[in-house]
Amino acid sequence: HFHLSDLPAHLLAIAQARIVTLWLVGALLGVPLGMPVCSRFGRKWCLL
């Protein structure tokens, strides 16, 4: 579906690593992003 089966093995590995890593980087950055939201709007709105 994402036309990854046509890629050579090394480019497929890079694409798969990027997909996994983007989530982990987002989770890492989500913690400091949540701090100002929590302190300004409270826990309930931060959770929402």
All heavy atoms as atom14 arrays in JSON, in Angstrom:
{
  "sequence": "HFHLSDLPAHLLAIAQARIVTLWLVGALLGVPLGMPVCSRFGRKWCLL",
  "atom14_mask": [
    [1, 1, 1, 1, 1, 1, 1, 1, 1, 1, 0, 0, 0, 0],
    [1, 1, 1, 1, 1, 1, 1, 1, 1, 1, 1, 0, 0, 0],
    [1, 1, 1, 1, 1, 1, 1, 1, 1, 1, 0, 0, 0, 0],
    [1, 1, 1, 1, 1, 1, 1, 1, 0, 0, 0, 0, 0, 0],
    [1, 1, 1, 1, 1, 1, 0, 0, 0, 0, 0, 0, 0, 0],
    [1, 1, 1, 1, 1, 1, 1, 1, 0, 0, 0, 0, 0, 0],
    [1, 1, 1, 1, 1, 1, 1, 1, 0, 0, 0, 0, 0, 0],
    [1, 1, 1, 1, 1, 1, 1, 0, 0, 0, 0, 0, 0, 0],
    [1, 1, 1, 1, 1, 0, 0, 0, 0, 0, 0, 0, 0, 0],
    [1, 1, 1, 1, 1, 1, 1, 1, 1, 1, 0, 0, 0, 0],
    [1, 1, 1, 1, 1, 1, 1, 1, 0, 0, 0, 0, 0, 0],
    [1, 1, 1, 1, 1, 1, 1, 1, 0, 0, 0, 0, 0, 0],
    [1, 1, 1, 1, 1, 0, 0, 0, 0, 0, 0, 0, 0, 0],
    [1, 1, 1, 1, 1, 1, 1, 1, 0, 0, 0, 0, 0, 0],
    [1, 1, 1, 1, 1, 0, 0, 0, 0, 0, 0, 0, 0, 0],
    [1, 1, 1, 1, 1, 1, 1, 1, 1, 0, 0, 0, 0, 0],
    [1, 1, 1, 1, 1, 0, 0, 0, 0, 0, 0, 0, 0, 0],
    [1, 1, 1, 1, 1, 1, 1, 1, 1, 1, 1, 0, 0, 0],
    [1, 1, 1, 1, 1, 1, 1, 1, 0, 0, 0, 0, 0, 0],
    [1, 1, 1, 1, 1, 1, 1, 0, 0, 0, 0, 0, 0, 0],
    [1, 1, 1, 1, 1, 1, 1, 0, 0, 0, 0, 0, 0, 0],
    [1, 1, 1, 1, 1, 1, 1, 1, 0, 0, 0, 0, 0, 0],
    [1, 1, 1, 1, 1, 1, 1, 1, 1, 1, 1, 1, 1, 1],
    [1, 1, 1, 1, 1, 1, 1, 1, 0, 0, 0, 0, 0, 0],
    [1, 1, 1, 1, 1, 1, 1, 0, 0, 0, 0, 0, 0, 0],
    [1, 1, 1, 1, 0, 0, 0, 0, 0, 0, 0, 0, 0, 0],
    [1, 1, 1, 1, 1, 0, 0, 0, 0, 0, 0, 0, 0, 0],
    [1, 1, 1, 1, 1, 1, 1, 1, 0, 0, 0, 0, 0, 0],
    [1, 1, 1, 1, 1, 1, 1, 1, 0, 0, 0, 0, 0, 0],
    [1, 1, 1, 1, 0, 0, 0, 0, 0, 0, 0, 0, 0, 0],
    [1, 1, 1, 1, 1, 1, 1, 0, 0, 0, 0, 0, 0, 0],
    [1, 1, 1, 1, 1, 1, 1, 0, 0, 0, 0, 0, 0, 0],
    [1, 1, 1, 1, 1, 1, 1, 1, 0, 0, 0, 0, 0, 0],
    [1, 1, 1, 1, 0, 0, 0, 0, 0, 0, 0, 0, 0, 0],
    [1, 1, 1, 1, 1, 1, 1, 1, 0, 0, 0, 0, 0, 0],
    [1, 1, 1, 1, 1, 1, 1, 0, 0, 0, 0, 0, 0, 0],
    [1, 1, 1, 1, 1, 1, 1, 0, 0, 0, 0, 0, 0, 0],
    [1, 1, 1, 1, 1, 1, 0, 0, 0, 0, 0, 0, 0, 0],
    [1, 1, 1, 1, 1, 1, 0, 0, 0, 0, 0, 0, 0, 0],
    [1, 1, 1, 1, 1, 1, 1, 1, 1, 1, 1, 0, 0, 0],
    [1, 1, 1, 1, 1, 1, 1, 1, 1, 1, 1, 0, 0, 0],
    [1, 1, 1, 1, 0, 0, 0, 0, 0, 0, 0, 0, 0, 0],
    [1, 1, 1, 1, 1, 1, 1, 1, 1, 1, 1, 0, 0, 0],
    [1, 1, 1, 1, 1, 1, 1, 1, 1, 0, 0, 0, 0, 0],
    [1, 1, 1, 1, 1, 1, 1, 1, 1, 1, 1, 1, 1, 1],
    [1, 1, 1, 1, 1, 1, 0, 0, 0, 0, 0, 0, 0, 0],
    [1, 1, 1, 1, 1, 1, 1, 1, 0, 0, 0, 0, 0, 0],
    [1, 1, 1, 1, 1, 1, 1, 1, 0, 0, 0, 0, 0, 0]
  ],
  "atom14_positions": [
    [[0.83, -1.21, 0.0], [0.0, 0.0, 0.0], [0.86, 1.26, 0.0], [0.54, 2.24, -0.68], [-0.94, 0.01, 1.21], [-1.79, 1.23, 1.28], [-2.87, 1.42, 0.44], [-1.72, 2.33, 2.05], [-3.43, 2.58, 0.71], [-2.75, 3.15, 1.69], [0.0, 0.0, 0.0], [0.0, 0.0, 0.0], [0.0, 0.0, 0.0], [0.0, 0.0, 0.0]],
    [[1.91, 1.24, 0.77], [2.79, 2.41, 0.84], [3.99, 2.3, -0.1], [4.95, 3.05, 0.02], [3.27, 2.63, 2.28], [2.19, 3.13, 3.18], [1.66, 2.32, 4.15], [1.68, 4.41, 3.03], [0.65, 2.76, 4.98], [0.67, 4.87, 3.85], [0.16, 4.05, 4.83], [0.0, 0.0, 0.0], [0.0, 0.0, 0.0], [0.0, 0.0, 0.0]],
    [[3.94, 1.36, -1.01], [4.97, 1.17, -2.04], [6.35, 0.94, -1.42], [7.36, 1.35, -1.98], [5.0, 2.36, -3.01], [3.66, 2.73, -3.53], [2.95, 1.93, -4.4], [2.85, 3.79, -3.28], [1.79, 2.5, -4.67], [1.7, 3.62, -4.0], [0.0, 0.0, 0.0], [0.0, 0.0, 0.0], [0.0, 0.0, 0.0], [0.0, 0.0, 0.0]],
    [[6.36, 0.29, -0.28], [7.63, -0.02, 0.38], [8.19, -1.35, -0.09], [9.39, -1.61, 0.05], [7.45, -0.04, 1.9], [7.0, 1.27, 2.54], [6.74, 1.07, 4.02], [8.02, 2.36, 2.32], [0.0, 0.0, 0.0], [0.0, 0.0, 0.0], [0.0, 0.0, 0.0], [0.0, 0.0, 0.0], [0.0, 0.0, 0.0], [0.0, 0.0, 0.0]],
    [[7.34, -2.19, -0.67], [7.82, -3.5, -1.13], [8.73, -3.37, -2.36], [9.47, -4.29, -2.67], [6.64, -4.41, -1.44], [5.78, -3.82, -2.39], [0.0, 0.0, 0.0], [0.0, 0.0, 0.0], [0.0, 0.0, 0.0], [0.0, 0.0, 0.0], [0.0, 0.0, 0.0], [0.0, 0.0, 0.0], [0.0, 0.0, 0.0], [0.0, 0.0, 0.0]],
    [[8.66, -2.23, -3.03], [9.5, -2.0, -4.21], [10.89, -1.49, -3.86], [11.75, -1.41, -4.72], [8.83, -0.99, -5.14], [7.44, -1.42, -5.56], [7.18, -2.64, -5.58], [6.6, -0.54, -5.84], [0.0, 0.0, 0.0], [0.0, 0.0, 0.0], [0.0, 0.0, 0.0], [0.0, 0.0, 0.0], [0.0, 0.0, 0.0], [0.0, 0.0, 0.0]],
    [[11.1, -1.14, -2.6], [12.38, -0.55, -2.19], [13.45, -1.61, -2.0], [13.16, -2.74, -1.61], [12.21, 0.22, -0.88], [11.3, 1.43, -0.89], [11.17, 2.0, 0.51], [11.83, 2.49, -1.84], [0.0, 0.0, 0.0], [0.0, 0.0, 0.0], [0.0, 0.0, 0.0], [0.0, 0.0, 0.0], [0.0, 0.0, 0.0], [0.0, 0.0, 0.0]],
    [[14.71, -1.23, -2.23], [15.81, -2.13, -1.86], [15.83, -2.32, -0.34], [15.28, -1.52, 0.4], [17.06, -1.39, -2.34], [16.59, -0.3, -3.23], [15.17, -0.03, -2.91], [0.0, 0.0, 0.0], [0.0, 0.0, 0.0], [0.0, 0.0, 0.0], [0.0, 0.0, 0.0], [0.0, 0.0, 0.0], [0.0, 0.0, 0.0], [0.0, 0.0, 0.0]],
    [[16.5, -3.36, 0.09], [16.47, -3.73, 1.51], [16.96, -2.61, 2.43], [16.36, -2.36, 3.48], [17.32, -4.98, 1.73], [0.0, 0.0, 0.0], [0.0, 0.0, 0.0], [0.0, 0.0, 0.0], [0.0, 0.0, 0.0], [0.0, 0.0, 0.0], [0.0, 0.0, 0.0], [0.0, 0.0, 0.0], [0.0, 0.0, 0.0], [0.0, 0.0, 0.0]],
    [[18.01, -1.9, 2.05], [18.53, -0.86, 2.93], [17.58, 0.34, 3.02], [17.42, 0.95, 4.07], [19.95, -0.43, 2.53], [20.03, 0.34, 1.26], [19.9, -0.24, 0.02], [20.22, 1.66, 1.05], [20.01, 0.68, -0.91], [20.21, 1.85, -0.32], [0.0, 0.0, 0.0], [0.0, 0.0, 0.0], [0.0, 0.0, 0.0], [0.0, 0.0, 0.0]],
    [[16.9, 0.68, 1.92], [15.93, 1.78, 1.96], [14.66, 1.38, 2.7], [14.04, 2.2, 3.38], [15.6, 2.25, 0.54], [16.73, 2.94, -0.21], [16.28, 3.32, -1.61], [17.21, 4.16, 0.56], [0.0, 0.0, 0.0], [0.0, 0.0, 0.0], [0.0, 0.0, 0.0], [0.0, 0.0, 0.0], [0.0, 0.0, 0.0], [0.0, 0.0, 0.0]],
    [[14.29, 0.11, 2.6], [13.15, -0.39, 3.36], [13.44, -0.32, 4.86], [12.59, 0.1, 5.65], [12.81, -1.82, 2.96], [11.71, -2.51, 3.76], [10.4, -1.77, 3.61], [11.57, -3.96, 3.34], [0.0, 0.0, 0.0], [0.0, 0.0, 0.0], [0.0, 0.0, 0.0], [0.0, 0.0, 0.0], [0.0, 0.0, 0.0], [0.0, 0.0, 0.0]],
    [[14.65, -0.68, 5.24], [15.03, -0.61, 6.66], [15.02, 0.83, 7.16], [14.58, 1.09, 8.29], [16.42, -1.23, 6.86], [0.0, 0.0, 0.0], [0.0, 0.0, 0.0], [0.0, 0.0, 0.0], [0.0, 0.0, 0.0], [0.0, 0.0, 0.0], [0.0, 0.0, 0.0], [0.0, 0.0, 0.0], [0.0, 0.0, 0.0], [0.0, 0.0, 0.0]],
    [[15.45, 1.76, 6.34], [15.42, 3.17, 6.72], [13.99, 3.66, 6.88], [13.65, 4.35, 7.85], [16.19, 4.03, 5.68], [17.69, 3.74, 5.78], [15.92, 5.52, 5.88], [18.5, 4.36, 4.65], [0.0, 0.0, 0.0], [0.0, 0.0, 0.0], [0.0, 0.0, 0.0], [0.0, 0.0, 0.0], [0.0, 0.0, 0.0], [0.0, 0.0, 0.0]],
    [[13.11, 3.28, 5.95], [11.71, 3.7, 6.04], [11.04, 3.11, 7.27], [10.29, 3.8, 7.98], [10.96, 3.28, 4.77], [0.0, 0.0, 0.0], [0.0, 0.0, 0.0], [0.0, 0.0, 0.0], [0.0, 0.0, 0.0], [0.0, 0.0, 0.0], [0.0, 0.0, 0.0], [0.0, 0.0, 0.0], [0.0, 0.0, 0.0], [0.0, 0.0, 0.0]],
    [[11.3, 1.85, 7.56], [10.71, 1.22, 8.74], [11.25, 1.84, 10.02], [10.5, 2.07, 10.97], [10.98, -0.29, 8.72], [10.2, -1.01, 7.65], [10.61, -2.46, 7.51], [11.76, -2.84, 7.78], [9.67, -3.29, 7.08], [0.0, 0.0, 0.0], [0.0, 0.0, 0.0], [0.0, 0.0, 0.0], [0.0, 0.0, 0.0], [0.0, 0.0, 0.0]],
    [[12.53, 2.14, 10.05], [13.12, 2.79, 11.23], [12.53, 4.18, 11.44], [12.29, 4.59, 12.58], [14.64, 2.86, 11.08], [0.0, 0.0, 0.0], [0.0, 0.0, 0.0], [0.0, 0.0, 0.0], [0.0, 0.0, 0.0], [0.0, 0.0, 0.0], [0.0, 0.0, 0.0], [0.0, 0.0, 0.0], [0.0, 0.0, 0.0], [0.0, 0.0, 0.0]],
    [[12.3, 4.89, 10.36], [11.71, 6.24, 10.46], [10.29, 6.16, 11.04], [9.91, 6.96, 11.89], [11.71, 6.92, 9.1], [11.27, 8.36, 9.15], [11.37, 9.06, 7.8], [10.63, 8.34, 6.77], [11.17, 7.84, 5.67], [12.44, 7.99, 5.43], [10.43, 7.19, 4.79], [0.0, 0.0, 0.0], [0.0, 0.0, 0.0], [0.0, 0.0, 0.0]],
    [[9.52, 5.18, 10.6], [8.14, 5.03, 11.1], [8.14, 4.74, 12.6], [7.36, 5.31, 13.35], [7.41, 3.93, 10.31], [7.13, 4.42, 8.88], [6.12, 3.53, 10.99], [6.61, 3.35, 7.95], [0.0, 0.0, 0.0], [0.0, 0.0, 0.0], [0.0, 0.0, 0.0], [0.0, 0.0, 0.0], [0.0, 0.0, 0.0], [0.0, 0.0, 0.0]],
    [[9.04, 3.88, 13.04], [9.12, 3.55, 14.47], [9.65, 4.73, 15.27], [9.12, 5.1, 16.32], [10.0, 2.3, 14.69], [10.26, 2.06, 16.16], [9.35, 1.08, 14.05], [0.0, 0.0, 0.0], [0.0, 0.0, 0.0], [0.0, 0.0, 0.0], [0.0, 0.0, 0.0], [0.0, 0.0, 0.0], [0.0, 0.0, 0.0], [0.0, 0.0, 0.0]],
    [[10.69, 5.37, 14.77], [11.36, 6.44, 15.49], [10.49, 7.68, 15.63], [10.54, 8.35, 16.67], [12.69, 6.79, 14.8], [13.48, 5.6, 14.71], [13.45, 7.84, 15.56], [0.0, 0.0, 0.0], [0.0, 0.0, 0.0], [0.0, 0.0, 0.0], [0.0, 0.0, 0.0], [0.0, 0.0, 0.0], [0.0, 0.0, 0.0], [0.0, 0.0, 0.0]],
    [[9.69, 7.99, 14.63], [8.84, 9.18, 14.73], [7.88, 9.1, 15.9], [7.62, 10.1, 16.57], [8.07, 9.4, 13.42], [8.87, 10.05, 12.32], [8.11, 10.01, 11.01], [9.21, 11.48, 12.68], [0.0, 0.0, 0.0], [0.0, 0.0, 0.0], [0.0, 0.0, 0.0], [0.0, 0.0, 0.0], [0.0, 0.0, 0.0], [0.0, 0.0, 0.0]],
    [[7.36, 7.91, 16.17], [6.47, 7.77, 17.32], [7.23, 7.97, 18.62], [6.75, 8.65, 19.53], [5.8, 6.39, 17.31], [4.76, 6.28, 18.36], [3.46, 6.64, 18.26], [4.95, 5.81, 19.69], [2.81, 6.4, 19.44], [3.71, 5.89, 20.35], [6.02, 5.32, 20.39], [3.52, 5.51, 21.66], [5.85, 4.94, 21.71], [4.6, 5.03, 22.32]],
    [[8.43, 7.39, 18.71], [9.22, 7.52, 19.93], [9.65, 8.96, 20.17], [9.64, 9.44, 21.31], [10.43, 6.59, 19.87], [10.11, 5.09, 19.89], [11.35, 4.27, 19.57], [9.51, 4.69, 21.21], [0.0, 0.0, 0.0], [0.0, 0.0, 0.0], [0.0, 0.0, 0.0], [0.0, 0.0, 0.0], [0.0, 0.0, 0.0], [0.0, 0.0, 0.0]],
    [[10.04, 9.66, 19.12], [10.41, 11.07, 19.26], [9.18, 11.89, 19.67], [9.27, 12.78, 20.52], [11.03, 11.61, 17.95], [11.17, 13.11, 17.97], [12.37, 10.95, 17.71], [0.0, 0.0, 0.0], [0.0, 0.0, 0.0], [0.0, 0.0, 0.0], [0.0, 0.0, 0.0], [0.0, 0.0, 0.0], [0.0, 0.0, 0.0], [0.0, 0.0, 0.0]],
    [[8.03, 11.58, 19.09], [6.8, 12.27, 19.49], [6.48, 12.04, 20.95], [6.1, 12.97, 21.67], [0.0, 0.0, 0.0], [0.0, 0.0, 0.0], [0.0, 0.0, 0.0], [0.0, 0.0, 0.0], [0.0, 0.0, 0.0], [0.0, 0.0, 0.0], [0.0, 0.0, 0.0], [0.0, 0.0, 0.0], [0.0, 0.0, 0.0], [0.0, 0.0, 0.0]],
    [[6.65, 10.81, 21.42], [6.39, 10.52, 22.83], [7.38, 11.25, 23.73], [7.02, 11.76, 24.78], [6.47, 9.01, 23.08], [0.0, 0.0, 0.0], [0.0, 0.0, 0.0], [0.0, 0.0, 0.0], [0.0, 0.0, 0.0], [0.0, 0.0, 0.0], [0.0, 0.0, 0.0], [0.0, 0.0, 0.0], [0.0, 0.0, 0.0], [0.0, 0.0, 0.0]],
    [[8.63, 11.32, 23.29], [9.64, 12.04, 24.06], [9.32, 13.53, 24.14], [9.44, 14.15, 25.2], [11.02, 11.82, 23.42], [12.19, 12.54, 24.08], [12.48, 11.91, 25.43], [13.41, 12.48, 23.2], [0.0, 0.0, 0.0], [0.0, 0.0, 0.0], [0.0, 0.0, 0.0], [0.0, 0.0, 0.0], [0.0, 0.0, 0.0], [0.0, 0.0, 0.0]],
    [[8.88, 14.12, 23.04], [8.56, 15.54, 23.03], [7.19, 15.84, 23.65], [6.92, 16.97, 24.03], [8.61, 16.08, 21.6], [9.98, 16.03, 20.93], [9.88, 16.5, 19.48], [10.98, 16.85, 21.69], [0.0, 0.0, 0.0], [0.0, 0.0, 0.0], [0.0, 0.0, 0.0], [0.0, 0.0, 0.0], [0.0, 0.0, 0.0], [0.0, 0.0, 0.0]],
    [[6.33, 14.83, 23.72], [5.0, 15.03, 24.29], [5.04, 15.33, 25.78], [4.17, 16.03, 26.3], [0.0, 0.0, 0.0], [0.0, 0.0, 0.0], [0.0, 0.0, 0.0], [0.0, 0.0, 0.0], [0.0, 0.0, 0.0], [0.0, 0.0, 0.0], [0.0, 0.0, 0.0], [0.0, 0.0, 0.0], [0.0, 0.0, 0.0], [0.0, 0.0, 0.0]],
    [[6.03, 14.81, 26.47], [6.13, 15.06, 27.91], [6.38, 16.54, 28.19], [5.62, 17.16, 28.93], [7.2, 14.14, 28.56], [7.4, 14.5, 30.01], [6.79, 12.69, 28.41], [0.0, 0.0, 0.0], [0.0, 0.0, 0.0], [0.0, 0.0, 0.0], [0.0, 0.0, 0.0], [0.0, 0.0, 0.0], [0.0, 0.0, 0.0], [0.0, 0.0, 0.0]],
    [[7.42, 17.16, 27.61], [7.59, 18.6, 27.9], [6.49, 19.46, 27.28], [6.2, 20.54, 27.79], [8.96, 18.94, 27.3], [9.31, 17.84, 26.41], [8.55, 16.63, 26.84], [0.0, 0.0, 0.0], [0.0, 0.0, 0.0], [0.0, 0.0, 0.0], [0.0, 0.0, 0.0], [0.0, 0.0, 0.0], [0.0, 0.0, 0.0], [0.0, 0.0, 0.0]],
    [[5.85, 18.98, 26.21], [4.74, 19.73, 25.64], [3.55, 19.75, 26.6], [2.83, 20.75, 26.69], [4.32, 19.11, 24.31], [3.07, 19.7, 23.65], [3.41, 21.08, 23.1], [2.56, 18.81, 22.56], [0.0, 0.0, 0.0], [0.0, 0.0, 0.0], [0.0, 0.0, 0.0], [0.0, 0.0, 0.0], [0.0, 0.0, 0.0], [0.0, 0.0, 0.0]],
    [[3.36, 18.67, 27.34], [2.25, 18.6, 28.27], [2.43, 19.46, 29.51], [1.45, 19.84, 30.16], [0.0, 0.0, 0.0], [0.0, 0.0, 0.0], [0.0, 0.0, 0.0], [0.0, 0.0, 0.0], [0.0, 0.0, 0.0], [0.0, 0.0, 0.0], [0.0, 0.0, 0.0], [0.0, 0.0, 0.0], [0.0, 0.0, 0.0], [0.0, 0.0, 0.0]],
    [[3.65, 19.77, 29.86], [3.89, 20.54, 31.09], [3.22, 21.91, 31.08], [2.51, 22.24, 32.03], [5.39, 20.65, 31.35], [6.02, 19.39, 31.84], [7.77, 19.67, 32.14], [8.38, 18.02, 31.99], [0.0, 0.0, 0.0], [0.0, 0.0, 0.0], [0.0, 0.0, 0.0], [0.0, 0.0, 0.0], [0.0, 0.0, 0.0], [0.0, 0.0, 0.0]],
    [[3.42, 22.74, 30.05], [2.74, 24.04, 30.08], [1.23, 23.92, 29.96], [0.49, 24.73, 30.52], [3.34, 24.81, 28.9], [4.07, 23.84, 28.07], [4.34, 22.63, 28.91], [0.0, 0.0, 0.0], [0.0, 0.0, 0.0], [0.0, 0.0, 0.0], [0.0, 0.0, 0.0], [0.0, 0.0, 0.0], [0.0, 0.0, 0.0], [0.0, 0.0, 0.0]],
    [[0.76, 22.91, 29.24], [-0.69, 22.72, 29.13], [-1.27, 22.37, 30.49], [-2.31, 22.9, 30.9], [-1.03, 21.63, 28.08], [-2.51, 21.35, 28.04], [-0.53, 22.04, 26.7], [0.0, 0.0, 0.0], [0.0, 0.0, 0.0], [0.0, 0.0, 0.0], [0.0, 0.0, 0.0], [0.0, 0.0, 0.0], [0.0, 0.0, 0.0], [0.0, 0.0, 0.0]],
    [[-0.59, 21.49, 31.22], [-1.06, 21.1, 32.56], [-1.02, 22.27, 33.53], [-1.95, 22.48, 34.3], [-0.21, 19.97, 33.12], [-0.68, 18.36, 32.53], [0.0, 0.0, 0.0], [0.0, 0.0, 0.0], [0.0, 0.0, 0.0], [0.0, 0.0, 0.0], [0.0, 0.0, 0.0], [0.0, 0.0, 0.0], [0.0, 0.0, 0.0], [0.0, 0.0, 0.0]],
    [[0.06, 23.01, 33.51], [0.18, 24.1, 34.48], [-0.78, 25.25, 34.18], [-1.26, 25.91, 35.08], [1.62, 24.62, 34.53], [1.99, 25.16, 33.28], [0.0, 0.0, 0.0], [0.0, 0.0, 0.0], [0.0, 0.0, 0.0], [0.0, 0.0, 0.0], [0.0, 0.0, 0.0], [0.0, 0.0, 0.0], [0.0, 0.0, 0.0], [0.0, 0.0, 0.0]],
    [[-1.11, 25.44, 32.92], [-2.01, 26.55, 32.58], [-3.48, 26.16, 32.65], [-4.31, 26.93, 33.14], [-1.69, 27.06, 31.18], [-2.63, 28.16, 30.78], [-2.13, 28.97, 29.66], [-3.13, 29.96, 29.38], [-2.9, 31.14, 28.94], [-1.66, 31.49, 28.73], [-3.86, 31.98, 28.7], [0.0, 0.0, 0.0], [0.0, 0.0, 0.0], [0.0, 0.0, 0.0]],
    [[-3.83, 24.98, 32.15], [-5.24, 24.6, 32.05], [-5.67, 23.52, 33.04], [-6.86, 23.25, 33.15], [-5.55, 24.13, 30.62], [-5.3, 25.18, 29.59], [-4.23, 25.07, 28.72], [-6.13, 26.28, 29.48], [-3.99, 26.04, 27.77], [-5.9, 27.26, 28.53], [-4.82, 27.14, 27.68], [0.0, 0.0, 0.0], [0.0, 0.0, 0.0], [0.0, 0.0, 0.0]],
    [[-4.74, 22.86, 33.68], [-5.08, 21.82, 34.64], [-4.97, 20.42, 34.05], [-4.83, 20.23, 32.85], [0.0, 0.0, 0.0], [0.0, 0.0, 0.0], [0.0, 0.0, 0.0], [0.0, 0.0, 0.0], [0.0, 0.0, 0.0], [0.0, 0.0, 0.0], [0.0, 0.0, 0.0], [0.0, 0.0, 0.0], [0.0, 0.0, 0.0], [0.0, 0.0, 0.0]],
    [[-5.05, 19.44, 34.95], [-4.84, 18.05, 34.54], [-5.94, 17.53, 33.63], [-5.68, 16.79, 32.69], [-4.75, 17.16, 35.78], [-3.56, 17.45, 36.63], [-3.57, 16.57, 37.83], [-4.85, 16.69, 38.51], [-5.0, 16.89, 39.8], [-3.95, 16.98, 40.56], [-6.2, 16.97, 40.34], [0.0, 0.0, 0.0], [0.0, 0.0, 0.0], [0.0, 0.0, 0.0]],
    [[-7.17, 17.9, 33.91], [-8.29, 17.39, 33.12], [-8.16, 17.82, 31.66], [-8.28, 17.0, 30.74], [-9.6, 17.89, 33.7], [-10.82, 17.5, 32.9], [-12.06, 18.08, 33.56], [-13.23, 18.12, 32.63], [-14.4, 18.75, 33.24], [0.0, 0.0, 0.0], [0.0, 0.0, 0.0], [0.0, 0.0, 0.0], [0.0, 0.0, 0.0], [0.0, 0.0, 0.0]],
    [[-7.89, 19.08, 31.43], [-7.78, 19.57, 30.05], [-6.52, 19.07, 29.37], [-6.49, 18.85, 28.16], [-7.85, 21.09, 30.02], [-9.23, 21.55, 30.35], [-9.64, 22.15, 31.51], [-10.4, 21.41, 29.55], [-10.99, 22.39, 31.47], [-11.49, 21.95, 30.27], [-10.64, 20.88, 28.29], [-12.78, 21.97, 29.77], [-11.93, 20.9, 27.79], [-12.98, 21.44, 28.52]],
    [[-5.47, 18.85, 30.14], [-4.25, 18.28, 29.57], [-4.49, 16.84, 29.13], [-4.02, 16.42, 28.08], [-3.12, 18.36, 30.59], [-1.52, 17.87, 29.94], [0.0, 0.0, 0.0], [0.0, 0.0, 0.0], [0.0, 0.0, 0.0], [0.0, 0.0, 0.0], [0.0, 0.0, 0.0], [0.0, 0.0, 0.0], [0.0, 0.0, 0.0], [0.0, 0.0, 0.0]],
    [[-5.25, 16.1, 29.95], [-5.57, 14.72, 29.57], [-6.46, 14.69, 28.33], [-6.26, 13.87, 27.44], [-6.24, 14.01, 30.74], [-6.32, 12.5, 30.67], [-4.94, 11.89, 30.53], [-7.0, 11.94, 31.91], [0.0, 0.0, 0.0], [0.0, 0.0, 0.0], [0.0, 0.0, 0.0], [0.0, 0.0, 0.0], [0.0, 0.0, 0.0], [0.0, 0.0, 0.0]],
    [[-7.4, 15.61, 28.25], [-8.23, 15.7, 27.05], [-7.41, 16.13, 25.83], [-7.63, 15.64, 24.72], [-9.39, 16.66, 27.28], [-10.48, 16.16, 28.23], [-11.47, 17.28, 28.53], [-11.19, 14.96, 27.64], [0.0, 0.0, 0.0], [0.0, 0.0, 0.0], [0.0, 0.0, 0.0], [0.0, 0.0, 0.0], [0.0, 0.0, 0.0], [0.0, 0.0, 0.0]]
  ]
}
